[in-house]
Amino acid sequence: RGRPEDERARRSLLEESRRFYRRAGIA
């Protein structure tokens, strides 16, 4: 979508998902 106001929410979603993938070992 490319809206600047979405950036914070986008990063938060990615960081949350990355934490799970790291715990689960899904490289």
mmCIF file of all heavy atoms, coordinates in Angstrom:
data_MODEL
# 
_entry.id   MODEL 
# 
loop_
_atom_site.group_PDB 
_atom_site.id 
_atom_site.type_symbol 
_atom_site.label_atom_id 
_atom_site.label_alt_id 
_atom_site.label_comp_id 
_atom_site.label_asym_id 
_atom_site.label_entity_id 
_atom_site.label_seq_id 
_atom_site.pdbx_PDB_ins_code 
_atom_site.Cartn_x 
_atom_site.Cartn_y 
_atom_site.Cartn_z 
_atom_site.occupancy 
_atom_site.B_iso_or_equiv 
_atom_site.pdbx_formal_charge 
_atom_site.auth_seq_id 
_atom_site.auth_comp_id 
_atom_site.auth_asym_id 
_atom_site.auth_atom_id 
_atom_site.pdbx_PDB_model_num 
ATOM 1   N N   . ARG A 1 1  ? 0.827  -1.207  0.000  1.00 0.00 ? 1  ARG A N   1 
ATOM 2   C CA  . ARG A 1 1  ? 0.000  0.000   0.000  1.00 0.00 ? 1  ARG A CA  1 
ATOM 3   C C   . ARG A 1 1  ? 0.864  1.260   0.000  1.00 0.00 ? 1  ARG A C   1 
ATOM 4   O O   . ARG A 1 1  ? 0.509  2.261   -0.617 1.00 0.00 ? 1  ARG A O   1 
ATOM 5   C CB  . ARG A 1 1  ? -0.953 -0.007  1.198  1.00 0.00 ? 1  ARG A CB  1 
ATOM 6   C CG  . ARG A 1 1  ? -1.895 1.176   1.208  1.00 0.00 ? 1  ARG A CG  1 
ATOM 7   C CD  . ARG A 1 1  ? -3.101 0.959   2.095  1.00 0.00 ? 1  ARG A CD  1 
ATOM 8   N NE  . ARG A 1 1  ? -2.799 0.956   3.510  1.00 0.00 ? 1  ARG A NE  1 
ATOM 9   C CZ  . ARG A 1 1  ? -3.736 0.938   4.465  1.00 0.00 ? 1  ARG A CZ  1 
ATOM 10  N NH1 . ARG A 1 1  ? -5.019 0.902   4.126  1.00 0.00 ? 1  ARG A NH1 1 
ATOM 11  N NH2 . ARG A 1 1  ? -3.402 0.923   5.731  1.00 0.00 ? 1  ARG A NH2 1 
ATOM 12  N N   . GLY A 1 2  ? 1.988  1.226   0.719  1.00 0.00 ? 2  GLY A N   1 
ATOM 13  C CA  . GLY A 1 2  ? 2.977  2.286   0.612  1.00 0.00 ? 2  GLY A CA  1 
ATOM 14  C C   . GLY A 1 2  ? 2.655  3.594   1.302  1.00 0.00 ? 2  GLY A C   1 
ATOM 15  O O   . GLY A 1 2  ? 3.177  4.642   0.926  1.00 0.00 ? 2  GLY A O   1 
ATOM 16  N N   . ARG A 1 3  ? 1.830  3.571   2.346  1.00 0.00 ? 3  ARG A N   1 
ATOM 17  C CA  . ARG A 1 3  ? 1.514  4.800   3.069  1.00 0.00 ? 3  ARG A CA  1 
ATOM 18  C C   . ARG A 1 3  ? 2.534  5.020   4.190  1.00 0.00 ? 3  ARG A C   1 
ATOM 19  O O   . ARG A 1 3  ? 2.772  4.118   4.998  1.00 0.00 ? 3  ARG A O   1 
ATOM 20  C CB  . ARG A 1 3  ? 0.113  4.724   3.669  1.00 0.00 ? 3  ARG A CB  1 
ATOM 21  C CG  . ARG A 1 3  ? -0.997 4.671   2.642  1.00 0.00 ? 3  ARG A CG  1 
ATOM 22  C CD  . ARG A 1 3  ? -2.351 4.601   3.343  1.00 0.00 ? 3  ARG A CD  1 
ATOM 23  N NE  . ARG A 1 3  ? -3.437 4.449   2.388  1.00 0.00 ? 3  ARG A NE  1 
ATOM 24  C CZ  . ARG A 1 3  ? -4.710 4.260   2.754  1.00 0.00 ? 3  ARG A CZ  1 
ATOM 25  N NH1 . ARG A 1 3  ? -5.019 4.192   4.054  1.00 0.00 ? 3  ARG A NH1 1 
ATOM 26  N NH2 . ARG A 1 3  ? -5.648 4.132   1.828  1.00 0.00 ? 3  ARG A NH2 1 
ATOM 27  N N   . PRO A 1 4  ? 3.128  6.208   4.309  1.00 0.00 ? 4  PRO A N   1 
ATOM 28  C CA  . PRO A 1 4  ? 4.111  6.457   5.377  1.00 0.00 ? 4  PRO A CA  1 
ATOM 29  C C   . PRO A 1 4  ? 3.543  6.215   6.772  1.00 0.00 ? 4  PRO A C   1 
ATOM 30  O O   . PRO A 1 4  ? 4.256  5.750   7.666  1.00 0.00 ? 4  PRO A O   1 
ATOM 31  C CB  . PRO A 1 4  ? 4.479  7.941   5.170  1.00 0.00 ? 4  PRO A CB  1 
ATOM 32  C CG  . PRO A 1 4  ? 4.194  8.199   3.730  1.00 0.00 ? 4  PRO A CG  1 
ATOM 33  C CD  . PRO A 1 4  ? 3.002  7.367   3.395  1.00 0.00 ? 4  PRO A CD  1 
ATOM 34  N N   . GLU A 1 5  ? 2.250  6.521   6.961  1.00 0.00 ? 5  GLU A N   1 
ATOM 35  C CA  . GLU A 1 5  ? 1.654  6.352   8.289  1.00 0.00 ? 5  GLU A CA  1 
ATOM 36  C C   . GLU A 1 5  ? 1.493  4.886   8.681  1.00 0.00 ? 5  GLU A C   1 
ATOM 37  O O   . GLU A 1 5  ? 1.206  4.570   9.845  1.00 0.00 ? 5  GLU A O   1 
ATOM 38  C CB  . GLU A 1 5  ? 0.288  7.049   8.362  1.00 0.00 ? 5  GLU A CB  1 
ATOM 39  C CG  . GLU A 1 5  ? -0.759 6.529   7.383  1.00 0.00 ? 5  GLU A CG  1 
ATOM 40  C CD  . GLU A 1 5  ? -0.777 7.284   6.069  1.00 0.00 ? 5  GLU A CD  1 
ATOM 41  O OE1 . GLU A 1 5  ? 0.278  7.831   5.685  1.00 0.00 ? 5  GLU A OE1 1 
ATOM 42  O OE2 . GLU A 1 5  ? -1.846 7.331   5.436  1.00 0.00 ? 5  GLU A OE2 1 
ATOM 43  N N   . ASP A 1 6  ? 1.684  3.968   7.732  1.00 0.00 ? 6  ASP A N   1 
ATOM 44  C CA  . ASP A 1 6  ? 1.584  2.530   8.032  1.00 0.00 ? 6  ASP A CA  1 
ATOM 45  C C   . ASP A 1 6  ? 2.892  1.948   8.563  1.00 0.00 ? 6  ASP A C   1 
ATOM 46  O O   . ASP A 1 6  ? 2.916  0.798   9.023  1.00 0.00 ? 6  ASP A O   1 
ATOM 47  C CB  . ASP A 1 6  ? 1.213  1.738   6.767  1.00 0.00 ? 6  ASP A CB  1 
ATOM 48  C CG  . ASP A 1 6  ? -0.237 1.939   6.361  1.00 0.00 ? 6  ASP A CG  1 
ATOM 49  O OD1 . ASP A 1 6  ? -1.045 2.314   7.233  1.00 0.00 ? 6  ASP A OD1 1 
ATOM 50  O OD2 . ASP A 1 6  ? -0.551 1.710   5.177  1.00 0.00 ? 6  ASP A OD2 1 
ATOM 51  N N   . GLU A 1 7  ? 3.989  2.698   8.485  1.00 0.00 ? 7  GLU A N   1 
ATOM 52  C CA  . GLU A 1 7  ? 5.302  2.113   8.739  1.00 0.00 ? 7  GLU A CA  1 
ATOM 53  C C   . GLU A 1 7  ? 5.434  1.532   10.136 1.00 0.00 ? 7  GLU A C   1 
ATOM 54  O O   . GLU A 1 7  ? 5.964  0.440   10.328 1.00 0.00 ? 7  GLU A O   1 
ATOM 55  C CB  . GLU A 1 7  ? 6.391  3.160   8.497  1.00 0.00 ? 7  GLU A CB  1 
ATOM 56  C CG  . GLU A 1 7  ? 7.819  2.658   8.734  1.00 0.00 ? 7  GLU A CG  1 
ATOM 57  C CD  . GLU A 1 7  ? 8.190  1.472   7.843  1.00 0.00 ? 7  GLU A CD  1 
ATOM 58  O OE1 . GLU A 1 7  ? 7.515  1.254   6.810  1.00 0.00 ? 7  GLU A OE1 1 
ATOM 59  O OE2 . GLU A 1 7  ? 9.142  0.768   8.192  1.00 0.00 ? 7  GLU A OE2 1 
ATOM 60  N N   . ARG A 1 8  ? 4.958  2.258   11.131 1.00 0.00 ? 8  ARG A N   1 
ATOM 61  C CA  . ARG A 1 8  ? 5.097  1.760   12.508 1.00 0.00 ? 8  ARG A CA  1 
ATOM 62  C C   . ARG A 1 8  ? 4.331  0.451   12.698 1.00 0.00 ? 8  ARG A C   1 
ATOM 63  O O   . ARG A 1 8  ? 4.844  -0.502  13.297 1.00 0.00 ? 8  ARG A O   1 
ATOM 64  C CB  . ARG A 1 8  ? 4.611  2.813   13.498 1.00 0.00 ? 8  ARG A CB  1 
ATOM 65  C CG  . ARG A 1 8  ? 4.772  2.395   14.952 1.00 0.00 ? 8  ARG A CG  1 
ATOM 66  C CD  . ARG A 1 8  ? 4.471  3.540   15.891 1.00 0.00 ? 8  ARG A CD  1 
ATOM 67  N NE  . ARG A 1 8  ? 4.592  3.129   17.276 1.00 0.00 ? 8  ARG A NE  1 
ATOM 68  C CZ  . ARG A 1 8  ? 4.424  3.940   18.308 1.00 0.00 ? 8  ARG A CZ  1 
ATOM 69  N NH1 . ARG A 1 8  ? 4.157  5.224   18.105 1.00 0.00 ? 8  ARG A NH1 1 
ATOM 70  N NH2 . ARG A 1 8  ? 4.534  3.496   19.543 1.00 0.00 ? 8  ARG A NH2 1 
ATOM 71  N N   . ALA A 1 9  ? 3.093  0.408   12.186 1.00 0.00 ? 9  ALA A N   1 
ATOM 72  C CA  . ALA A 1 9  ? 2.292  -0.818  12.310 1.00 0.00 ? 9  ALA A CA  1 
ATOM 73  C C   . ALA A 1 9  ? 2.934  -1.958  11.531 1.00 0.00 ? 9  ALA A C   1 
ATOM 74  O O   . ALA A 1 9  ? 2.942  -3.111  11.982 1.00 0.00 ? 9  ALA A O   1 
ATOM 75  C CB  . ALA A 1 9  ? 0.869  -0.564  11.809 1.00 0.00 ? 9  ALA A CB  1 
ATOM 76  N N   . ARG A 1 10 ? 3.468  -1.655  10.377 1.00 0.00 ? 10 ARG A N   1 
ATOM 77  C CA  . ARG A 1 10 ? 4.113  -2.688  9.545  1.00 0.00 ? 10 ARG A CA  1 
ATOM 78  C C   . ARG A 1 10 ? 5.287  -3.311  10.280 1.00 0.00 ? 10 ARG A C   1 
ATOM 79  O O   . ARG A 1 10 ? 5.421  -4.544  10.352 1.00 0.00 ? 10 ARG A O   1 
ATOM 80  C CB  . ARG A 1 10 ? 4.582  -2.066  8.233  1.00 0.00 ? 10 ARG A CB  1 
ATOM 81  C CG  . ARG A 1 10 ? 5.144  -3.054  7.222  1.00 0.00 ? 10 ARG A CG  1 
ATOM 82  C CD  . ARG A 1 10 ? 5.719  -2.328  6.011  1.00 0.00 ? 10 ARG A CD  1 
ATOM 83  N NE  . ARG A 1 10 ? 7.015  -1.753  6.332  1.00 0.00 ? 10 ARG A NE  1 
ATOM 84  C CZ  . ARG A 1 10 ? 8.186  -2.382  6.166  1.00 0.00 ? 10 ARG A CZ  1 
ATOM 85  N NH1 . ARG A 1 10 ? 8.211  -3.603  5.665  1.00 0.00 ? 10 ARG A NH1 1 
ATOM 86  N NH2 . ARG A 1 10 ? 9.317  -1.791  6.479  1.00 0.00 ? 10 ARG A NH2 1 
ATOM 87  N N   . ARG A 1 11 ? 6.152  -2.471  10.860 1.00 0.00 ? 11 ARG A N   1 
ATOM 88  C CA  . ARG A 1 11 ? 7.323  -2.988  11.568 1.00 0.00 ? 11 ARG A CA  1 
ATOM 89  C C   . ARG A 1 11 ? 6.909  -3.787  12.802 1.00 0.00 ? 11 ARG A C   1 
ATOM 90  O O   . ARG A 1 11 ? 7.516  -4.809  13.122 1.00 0.00 ? 11 ARG A O   1 
ATOM 91  C CB  . ARG A 1 11 ? 8.260  -1.849  11.962 1.00 0.00 ? 11 ARG A CB  1 
ATOM 92  C CG  . ARG A 1 11 ? 8.909  -1.134  10.774 1.00 0.00 ? 11 ARG A CG  1 
ATOM 93  C CD  . ARG A 1 11 ? 9.991  -0.188  11.249 1.00 0.00 ? 11 ARG A CD  1 
ATOM 94  N NE  . ARG A 1 11 ? 11.106 -0.931  11.812 1.00 0.00 ? 11 ARG A NE  1 
ATOM 95  C CZ  . ARG A 1 11 ? 12.107 -1.424  11.095 1.00 0.00 ? 11 ARG A CZ  1 
ATOM 96  N NH1 . ARG A 1 11 ? 12.120 -1.270  9.784  1.00 0.00 ? 11 ARG A NH1 1 
ATOM 97  N NH2 . ARG A 1 11 ? 13.090 -2.071  11.691 1.00 0.00 ? 11 ARG A NH2 1 
ATOM 98  N N   . SER A 1 12 ? 5.881  -3.317  13.499 1.00 0.00 ? 12 SER A N   1 
ATOM 99  C CA  . SER A 1 12 ? 5.419  -4.028  14.693 1.00 0.00 ? 12 SER A CA  1 
ATOM 100 C C   . SER A 1 12 ? 4.917  -5.426  14.326 1.00 0.00 ? 12 SER A C   1 
ATOM 101 O O   . SER A 1 12 ? 5.232  -6.411  15.019 1.00 0.00 ? 12 SER A O   1 
ATOM 102 C CB  . SER A 1 12 ? 4.309  -3.229  15.377 1.00 0.00 ? 12 SER A CB  1 
ATOM 103 O OG  . SER A 1 12 ? 3.816  -3.920  16.509 1.00 0.00 ? 12 SER A OG  1 
ATOM 104 N N   . LEU A 1 13 ? 4.159  -5.538  13.235 1.00 0.00 ? 13 LEU A N   1 
ATOM 105 C CA  . LEU A 1 13 ? 3.667  -6.842  12.789 1.00 0.00 ? 13 LEU A CA  1 
ATOM 106 C C   . LEU A 1 13 ? 4.823  -7.766  12.432 1.00 0.00 ? 13 LEU A C   1 
ATOM 107 O O   . LEU A 1 13 ? 4.837  -8.956  12.802 1.00 0.00 ? 13 LEU A O   1 
ATOM 108 C CB  . LEU A 1 13 ? 2.761  -6.667  11.574 1.00 0.00 ? 13 LEU A CB  1 
ATOM 109 C CG  . LEU A 1 13 ? 1.373  -6.070  11.831 1.00 0.00 ? 13 LEU A CG  1 
ATOM 110 C CD1 . LEU A 1 13 ? 0.740  -5.627  10.518 1.00 0.00 ? 13 LEU A CD1 1 
ATOM 111 C CD2 . LEU A 1 13 ? 0.474  -7.068  12.545 1.00 0.00 ? 13 LEU A CD2 1 
ATOM 112 N N   . LEU A 1 14 ? 5.814  -7.238  11.731 1.00 0.00 ? 14 LEU A N   1 
ATOM 113 C CA  . LEU A 1 14 ? 6.960  -8.058  11.324 1.00 0.00 ? 14 LEU A CA  1 
ATOM 114 C C   . LEU A 1 14 ? 7.777  -8.499  12.522 1.00 0.00 ? 14 LEU A C   1 
ATOM 115 O O   . LEU A 1 14 ? 8.236  -9.645  12.594 1.00 0.00 ? 14 LEU A O   1 
ATOM 116 C CB  . LEU A 1 14 ? 7.825  -7.284  10.335 1.00 0.00 ? 14 LEU A CB  1 
ATOM 117 C CG  . LEU A 1 14 ? 7.196  -7.061  8.954  1.00 0.00 ? 14 LEU A CG  1 
ATOM 118 C CD1 . LEU A 1 14 ? 8.051  -6.116  8.118  1.00 0.00 ? 14 LEU A CD1 1 
ATOM 119 C CD2 . LEU A 1 14 ? 7.005  -8.384  8.214  1.00 0.00 ? 14 LEU A CD2 1 
ATOM 120 N N   . GLU A 1 15 ? 7.979  -7.600  13.474 1.00 0.00 ? 15 GLU A N   1 
ATOM 121 C CA  . GLU A 1 15 ? 8.767  -7.958  14.658 1.00 0.00 ? 15 GLU A CA  1 
ATOM 122 C C   . GLU A 1 15 ? 8.068  -9.026  15.480 1.00 0.00 ? 15 GLU A C   1 
ATOM 123 O O   . GLU A 1 15 ? 8.715  -9.939  16.015 1.00 0.00 ? 15 GLU A O   1 
ATOM 124 C CB  . GLU A 1 15 ? 9.048  -6.711  15.485 1.00 0.00 ? 15 GLU A CB  1 
ATOM 125 C CG  . GLU A 1 15 ? 10.061 -5.775  14.827 1.00 0.00 ? 15 GLU A CG  1 
ATOM 126 C CD  . GLU A 1 15 ? 10.099 -4.398  15.457 1.00 0.00 ? 15 GLU A CD  1 
ATOM 127 O OE1 . GLU A 1 15 ? 9.312  -4.159  16.405 1.00 0.00 ? 15 GLU A OE1 1 
ATOM 128 O OE2 . GLU A 1 15 ? 10.901 -3.556  14.999 1.00 0.00 ? 15 GLU A OE2 1 
ATOM 129 N N   . GLU A 1 16 ? 6.725  -8.916  15.612 1.00 0.00 ? 16 GLU A N   1 
ATOM 130 C CA  . GLU A 1 16 ? 5.971  -9.926  16.348 1.00 0.00 ? 16 GLU A CA  1 
ATOM 131 C C   . GLU A 1 16 ? 6.075  -11.284 15.662 1.00 0.00 ? 16 GLU A C   1 
ATOM 132 O O   . GLU A 1 16 ? 6.291  -12.315 16.309 1.00 0.00 ? 16 GLU A O   1 
ATOM 133 C CB  . GLU A 1 16 ? 4.504  -9.505  16.461 1.00 0.00 ? 16 GLU A CB  1 
ATOM 134 C CG  . GLU A 1 16 ? 4.240  -8.366  17.426 1.00 0.00 ? 16 GLU A CG  1 
ATOM 135 C CD  . GLU A 1 16 ? 4.366  -8.783  18.880 1.00 0.00 ? 16 GLU A CD  1 
ATOM 136 O OE1 . GLU A 1 16 ? 4.163  -9.976  19.164 1.00 0.00 ? 16 GLU A OE1 1 
ATOM 137 O OE2 . GLU A 1 16 ? 4.684  -7.931  19.720 1.00 0.00 ? 16 GLU A OE2 1 
ATOM 138 N N   . SER A 1 17 ? 5.914  -11.304 14.345 1.00 0.00 ? 17 SER A N   1 
ATOM 139 C CA  . SER A 1 17 ? 5.988  -12.583 13.631 1.00 0.00 ? 17 SER A CA  1 
ATOM 140 C C   . SER A 1 17 ? 7.402  -13.152 13.696 1.00 0.00 ? 17 SER A C   1 
ATOM 141 O O   . SER A 1 17 ? 7.586  -14.365 13.850 1.00 0.00 ? 17 SER A O   1 
ATOM 142 C CB  . SER A 1 17 ? 5.541  -12.416 12.183 1.00 0.00 ? 17 SER A CB  1 
ATOM 143 O OG  . SER A 1 17 ? 6.408  -11.568 11.458 1.00 0.00 ? 17 SER A OG  1 
ATOM 144 N N   . ARG A 1 18 ? 8.407  -12.302 13.604 1.00 0.00 ? 18 ARG A N   1 
ATOM 145 C CA  . ARG A 1 18 ? 9.787  -12.793 13.648 1.00 0.00 ? 18 ARG A CA  1 
ATOM 146 C C   . ARG A 1 18 ? 10.106 -13.427 14.999 1.00 0.00 ? 18 ARG A C   1 
ATOM 147 O O   . ARG A 1 18 ? 10.817 -14.433 15.065 1.00 0.00 ? 18 ARG A O   1 
ATOM 148 C CB  . ARG A 1 18 ? 10.768 -11.656 13.362 1.00 0.00 ? 18 ARG A CB  1 
ATOM 149 C CG  . ARG A 1 18 ? 12.225 -12.122 13.359 1.00 0.00 ? 18 ARG A CG  1 
ATOM 150 C CD  . ARG A 1 18 ? 13.161 -11.058 12.828 1.00 0.00 ? 18 ARG A CD  1 
ATOM 151 N NE  . ARG A 1 18 ? 13.150 -9.854  13.630 1.00 0.00 ? 18 ARG A NE  1 
ATOM 152 C CZ  . ARG A 1 18 ? 13.926 -8.794  13.383 1.00 0.00 ? 18 ARG A CZ  1 
ATOM 153 N NH1 . ARG A 1 18 ? 14.719 -8.787  12.336 1.00 0.00 ? 18 ARG A NH1 1 
ATOM 154 N NH2 . ARG A 1 18 ? 13.872 -7.736  14.161 1.00 0.00 ? 18 ARG A NH2 1 
ATOM 155 N N   . ARG A 1 19 ? 9.571  -12.838 16.074 1.00 0.00 ? 19 ARG A N   1 
ATOM 156 C CA  . ARG A 1 19 ? 9.815  -13.439 17.394 1.00 0.00 ? 19 ARG A CA  1 
ATOM 157 C C   . ARG A 1 19 ? 9.285  -14.872 17.451 1.00 0.00 ? 19 ARG A C   1 
ATOM 158 O O   . ARG A 1 19 ? 9.932  -15.763 17.996 1.00 0.00 ? 19 ARG A O   1 
ATOM 159 C CB  . ARG A 1 19 ? 9.178  -12.580 18.495 1.00 0.00 ? 19 ARG A CB  1 
ATOM 160 C CG  . ARG A 1 19 ? 10.053 -11.423 18.941 1.00 0.00 ? 19 ARG A CG  1 
ATOM 161 C CD  . ARG A 1 19 ? 9.516  -10.785 20.207 1.00 0.00 ? 19 ARG A CD  1 
ATOM 162 N NE  . ARG A 1 19 ? 8.383  -9.930  19.931 1.00 0.00 ? 19 ARG A NE  1 
ATOM 163 C CZ  . ARG A 1 19 ? 8.474  -8.644  19.592 1.00 0.00 ? 19 ARG A CZ  1 
ATOM 164 N NH1 . ARG A 1 19 ? 9.656  -8.084  19.459 1.00 0.00 ? 19 ARG A NH1 1 
ATOM 165 N NH2 . ARG A 1 19 ? 7.407  -7.912  19.388 1.00 0.00 ? 19 ARG A NH2 1 
ATOM 166 N N   . PHE A 1 20 ? 8.071  -15.086 16.877 1.00 0.00 ? 20 PHE A N   1 
ATOM 167 C CA  . PHE A 1 20 ? 7.537  -16.452 16.881 1.00 0.00 ? 20 PHE A CA  1 
ATOM 168 C C   . PHE A 1 20 ? 8.390  -17.363 16.027 1.00 0.00 ? 20 PHE A C   1 
ATOM 169 O O   . PHE A 1 20 ? 8.726  -18.478 16.434 1.00 0.00 ? 20 PHE A O   1 
ATOM 170 C CB  . PHE A 1 20 ? 6.091  -16.474 16.373 1.00 0.00 ? 20 PHE A CB  1 
ATOM 171 C CG  . PHE A 1 20 ? 5.558  -17.878 16.227 1.00 0.00 ? 20 PHE A CG  1 
ATOM 172 C CD1 . PHE A 1 20 ? 5.038  -18.546 17.324 1.00 0.00 ? 20 PHE A CD1 1 
ATOM 173 C CD2 . PHE A 1 20 ? 5.622  -18.552 15.020 1.00 0.00 ? 20 PHE A CD2 1 
ATOM 174 C CE1 . PHE A 1 20 ? 4.581  -19.850 17.211 1.00 0.00 ? 20 PHE A CE1 1 
ATOM 175 C CE2 . PHE A 1 20 ? 5.166  -19.849 14.890 1.00 0.00 ? 20 PHE A CE2 1 
ATOM 176 C CZ  . PHE A 1 20 ? 4.635  -20.498 15.996 1.00 0.00 ? 20 PHE A CZ  1 
ATOM 177 N N   . TYR A 1 21 ? 8.739  -16.931 14.820 1.00 0.00 ? 21 TYR A N   1 
ATOM 178 C CA  . TYR A 1 21 ? 9.520  -17.785 13.920 1.00 0.00 ? 21 TYR A CA  1 
ATOM 179 C C   . TYR A 1 21 ? 10.872 -18.143 14.543 1.00 0.00 ? 21 TYR A C   1 
ATOM 180 O O   . TYR A 1 21 ? 11.355 -19.264 14.372 1.00 0.00 ? 21 TYR A O   1 
ATOM 181 C CB  . TYR A 1 21 ? 9.736  -17.081 12.583 1.00 0.00 ? 21 TYR A CB  1 
ATOM 182 C CG  . TYR A 1 21 ? 8.487  -16.889 11.763 1.00 0.00 ? 21 TYR A CG  1 
ATOM 183 C CD1 . TYR A 1 21 ? 8.271  -15.708 11.047 1.00 0.00 ? 21 TYR A CD1 1 
ATOM 184 C CD2 . TYR A 1 21 ? 7.510  -17.876 11.695 1.00 0.00 ? 21 TYR A CD2 1 
ATOM 185 C CE1 . TYR A 1 21 ? 7.123  -15.526 10.290 1.00 0.00 ? 21 TYR A CE1 1 
ATOM 186 C CE2 . TYR A 1 21 ? 6.354  -17.699 10.944 1.00 0.00 ? 21 TYR A CE2 1 
ATOM 187 C CZ  . TYR A 1 21 ? 6.165  -16.521 10.238 1.00 0.00 ? 21 TYR A CZ  1 
ATOM 188 O OH  . TYR A 1 21 ? 5.030  -16.342 9.488  1.00 0.00 ? 21 TYR A OH  1 
ATOM 189 N N   . ARG A 1 22 ? 11.475 -17.215 15.259 1.00 0.00 ? 22 ARG A N   1 
ATOM 190 C CA  . ARG A 1 22 ? 12.750 -17.513 15.911 1.00 0.00 ? 22 ARG A CA  1 
ATOM 191 C C   . ARG A 1 22 ? 12.576 -18.541 17.013 1.00 0.00 ? 22 ARG A C   1 
ATOM 192 O O   . ARG A 1 22 ? 13.372 -19.470 17.144 1.00 0.00 ? 22 ARG A O   1 
ATOM 193 C CB  . ARG A 1 22 ? 13.358 -16.221 16.487 1.00 0.00 ? 22 ARG A CB  1 
ATOM 194 C CG  . ARG A 1 22 ? 14.041 -15.354 15.434 1.00 0.00 ? 22 ARG A CG  1 
ATOM 195 C CD  . ARG A 1 22 ? 14.683 -14.144 16.061 1.00 0.00 ? 22 ARG A CD  1 
ATOM 196 N NE  . ARG A 1 22 ? 15.522 -13.434 15.111 1.00 0.00 ? 22 ARG A NE  1 
ATOM 197 C CZ  . ARG A 1 22 ? 16.105 -12.285 15.348 1.00 0.00 ? 22 ARG A CZ  1 
ATOM 198 N NH1 . ARG A 1 22 ? 15.929 -11.680 16.516 1.00 0.00 ? 22 ARG A NH1 1 
ATOM 199 N NH2 . ARG A 1 22 ? 16.860 -11.707 14.431 1.00 0.00 ? 22 ARG A NH2 1 
ATOM 200 N N   . ARG A 1 23 ? 11.522 -18.372 17.830 1.00 0.00 ? 23 ARG A N   1 
ATOM 201 C CA  . ARG A 1 23 ? 11.276 -19.350 18.894 1.00 0.00 ? 23 ARG A CA  1 
ATOM 202 C C   . ARG A 1 23 ? 11.001 -20.729 18.314 1.00 0.00 ? 23 ARG A C   1 
ATOM 203 O O   . ARG A 1 23 ? 11.411 -21.741 18.876 1.00 0.00 ? 23 ARG A O   1 
ATOM 204 C CB  . ARG A 1 23 ? 10.086 -18.910 19.762 1.00 0.00 ? 23 ARG A CB  1 
ATOM 205 C CG  . ARG A 1 23 ? 10.354 -17.713 20.641 1.00 0.00 ? 23 ARG A CG  1 
ATOM 206 C CD  . ARG A 1 23 ? 9.284  -17.606 21.725 1.00 0.00 ? 23 ARG A CD  1 
ATOM 207 N NE  . ARG A 1 23 ? 7.948  -17.503 21.158 1.00 0.00 ? 23 ARG A NE  1 
ATOM 208 C CZ  . ARG A 1 23 ? 7.340  -16.363 20.861 1.00 0.00 ? 23 ARG A CZ  1 
ATOM 209 N NH1 . ARG A 1 23 ? 7.968  -15.220 21.050 1.00 0.00 ? 23 ARG A NH1 1 
ATOM 210 N NH2 . ARG A 1 23 ? 6.110  -16.359 20.364 1.00 0.00 ? 23 ARG A NH2 1 
ATOM 211 N N   . ALA A 1 24 ? 10.294 -20.755 17.188 1.00 0.00 ? 24 ALA A N   1 
ATOM 212 C CA  . ALA A 1 24 ? 9.934  -22.031 16.560 1.00 0.00 ? 24 ALA A CA  1 
ATOM 213 C C   . ALA A 1 24 ? 11.060 -22.591 15.702 1.00 0.00 ? 24 ALA A C   1 
ATOM 214 O O   . ALA A 1 24 ? 10.979 -23.727 15.238 1.00 0.00 ? 24 ALA A O   1 
ATOM 215 C CB  . ALA A 1 24 ? 8.680  -21.862 15.707 1.00 0.00 ? 24 ALA A CB  1 
ATOM 216 N N   . GLY A 1 25 ? 12.105 -21.809 15.476 1.00 0.00 ? 25 GLY A N   1 
ATOM 217 C CA  . GLY A 1 25 ? 13.229 -22.283 14.680 1.00 0.00 ? 25 GLY A CA  1 
ATOM 218 C C   . GLY A 1 25 ? 12.941 -22.369 13.191 1.00 0.00 ? 25 GLY A C   1 
ATOM 219 O O   . GLY A 1 25 ? 13.539 -23.181 12.490 1.00 0.00 ? 25 GLY A O   1 
ATOM 220 N N   . ILE A 1 26 ? 12.040 -21.509 12.676 1.00 0.00 ? 26 ILE A N   1 
ATOM 221 C CA  . ILE A 1 26 ? 11.685 -21.540 11.251 1.00 0.00 ? 26 ILE A CA  1 
ATOM 222 C C   . ILE A 1 26 ? 12.570 -20.519 10.535 1.00 0.00 ? 26 ILE A C   1 
ATOM 223 O O   . ILE A 1 26 ? 12.182 -19.357 10.330 1.00 0.00 ? 26 ILE A O   1 
ATOM 224 C CB  . ILE A 1 26 ? 10.189 -21.240 11.045 1.00 0.00 ? 26 ILE A CB  1 
ATOM 225 C CG1 . ILE A 1 26 ? 9.338  -22.193 11.914 1.00 0.00 ? 26 ILE A CG1 1 
ATOM 226 C CG2 . ILE A 1 26 ? 9.807  -21.396 9.580  1.00 0.00 ? 26 ILE A CG2 1 
ATOM 227 C CD1 . ILE A 1 26 ? 7.860  -21.880 11.909 1.00 0.00 ? 26 ILE A CD1 1 
ATOM 228 N N   . ALA A 1 27 ? 13.764 -20.954 10.158 1.00 0.00 ? 27 ALA A N   1 
ATOM 229 C CA  . ALA A 1 27 ? 14.779 -20.039 9.643  1.00 0.00 ? 27 ALA A CA  1 
ATOM 230 C C   . ALA A 1 27 ? 14.357 -19.354 8.347  1.00 0.00 ? 27 ALA A C   1 
ATOM 231 O O   . ALA A 1 27 ? 14.671 -18.176 8.128  1.00 0.00 ? 27 ALA A O   1 
ATOM 232 C CB  . ALA A 1 27 ? 16.094 -20.791 9.435  1.00 0.00 ? 27 ALA A CB  1 
# 
